Amino acid sequence: MRTFLVIIQFLVCLTLIISVLLQPGKSAGLSGSIAGGAEQLFGKQKSKGYEALFAKVTTVSAVLFMVLSVVLVIVK
């Protein structure tokens, strides 16, 4: 049972690392601070597409990682 949980946690950990690394940055640097204000006000549609997918995958894998970590401590 413990070996199975460790394997699942390893796969979740890899998923979490990959999903975080593939997400685009939130800041646009100096040019974003000058010209990006209108973009934030009127908004870019980020509710669809790969950015939303990576955000959901990151959230789910982070929650799974935390739950599996606690379960593995309890199981010993």
Protein backbone atom coordinates (compact mmCIF):
# COMPACT_ATOMS: atom_id res chain seq x y z
CA MET A 1 0.00 0.00 0.00
CA ARG A 2 2.77 2.42 0.96
CA THR A 3 4.71 1.68 -2.23
CA PHE A 4 1.63 2.39 -4.32
CA LEU A 5 1.08 5.72 -2.54
CA VAL A 6 4.73 6.70 -3.01
CA ILE A 7 4.50 5.98 -6.75
CA ILE A 8 1.30 8.02 -7.03
CA GLN A 9 2.90 10.89 -5.11
CA PHE A 10 5.93 10.79 -7.41
CA LEU A 11 3.67 11.04 -10.49
CA VAL A 12 1.68 13.89 -8.90
CA CYS A 13 4.95 15.64 -8.05
CA LEU A 14 6.13 15.43 -11.66
CA THR A 15 2.77 16.73 -12.88
CA LEU A 16 2.98 19.65 -10.46
CA ILE A 17 6.51 20.57 -11.51
CA ILE A 18 5.71 20.39 -15.24
CA SER A 19 2.47 22.37 -14.93
CA VAL A 20 4.19 25.14 -12.96
CA LEU A 21 7.07 25.36 -15.42
CA LEU A 22 4.79 25.53 -18.46
CA GLN A 23 2.67 28.39 -17.13
CA PRO A 24 3.36 31.81 -18.62
CA GLY A 25 4.56 34.60 -16.33
CA LYS A 26 2.04 36.94 -14.76
CA SER A 27 4.12 40.08 -15.15
CA ALA A 28 5.17 41.63 -18.44
CA GLY A 29 8.15 43.48 -17.01
CA LEU A 30 8.71 47.20 -17.50
CA SER A 31 6.67 47.38 -20.70
CA GLY A 32 3.72 45.80 -18.94
CA SER A 33 3.76 48.44 -16.25
CA ILE A 34 3.64 51.25 -18.81
CA ALA A 35 1.26 49.91 -21.45
CA GLY A 36 -0.40 46.99 -19.66
CA GLY A 37 -2.77 48.96 -17.46
CA ALA A 38 -5.53 49.08 -20.06
CA GLU A 39 -5.13 45.39 -20.69
CA GLN A 40 -5.81 44.67 -17.03
CA LEU A 41 -8.72 47.10 -16.93
CA PHE A 42 -10.50 45.82 -20.00
CA GLY A 43 -9.12 42.33 -19.57
CA LYS A 44 -7.74 39.63 -21.73
CA GLN A 45 -9.89 36.54 -21.77
CA LYS A 46 -7.85 33.99 -19.85
CA SER A 47 -10.75 31.83 -18.77
CA LYS A 48 -10.27 29.66 -21.86
CA GLY A 49 -7.23 28.08 -23.35
CA TYR A 50 -4.09 26.47 -22.10
CA GLU A 51 -3.49 29.03 -19.34
CA ALA A 52 -6.72 28.05 -17.60
CA LEU A 53 -5.93 24.38 -18.12
CA PHE A 54 -2.49 24.71 -16.53
CA ALA A 55 -3.98 26.68 -13.63
CA LYS A 56 -6.51 23.92 -12.93
CA VAL A 57 -3.92 21.14 -13.30
CA THR A 58 -1.59 22.98 -10.92
CA THR A 59 -4.33 23.44 -8.32
CA VAL A 60 -5.48 19.82 -8.46
CA SER A 61 -1.97 18.38 -8.36
CA ALA A 62 -0.98 20.66 -5.45
CA VAL A 63 -3.99 19.54 -3.41
CA LEU A 64 -3.30 15.89 -4.26
CA PHE A 65 0.35 16.29 -3.29
CA MET A 66 -0.56 17.73 0.11
CA VAL A 67 -3.20 15.08 0.81
CA LEU A 68 -0.89 12.25 -0.23
CA SER A 69 1.90 13.66 1.94
CA VAL A 70 -0.36 13.62 4.99
CA VAL A 71 -1.63 10.13 4.18
CA LEU A 72 1.92 8.82 3.80
CA VAL A 73 2.87 10.24 7.20
CA ILE A 74 -0.15 8.57 8.78
CA VAL A 75 0.43 5.21 7.05
CA LYS A 76 4.14 4.99 7.95
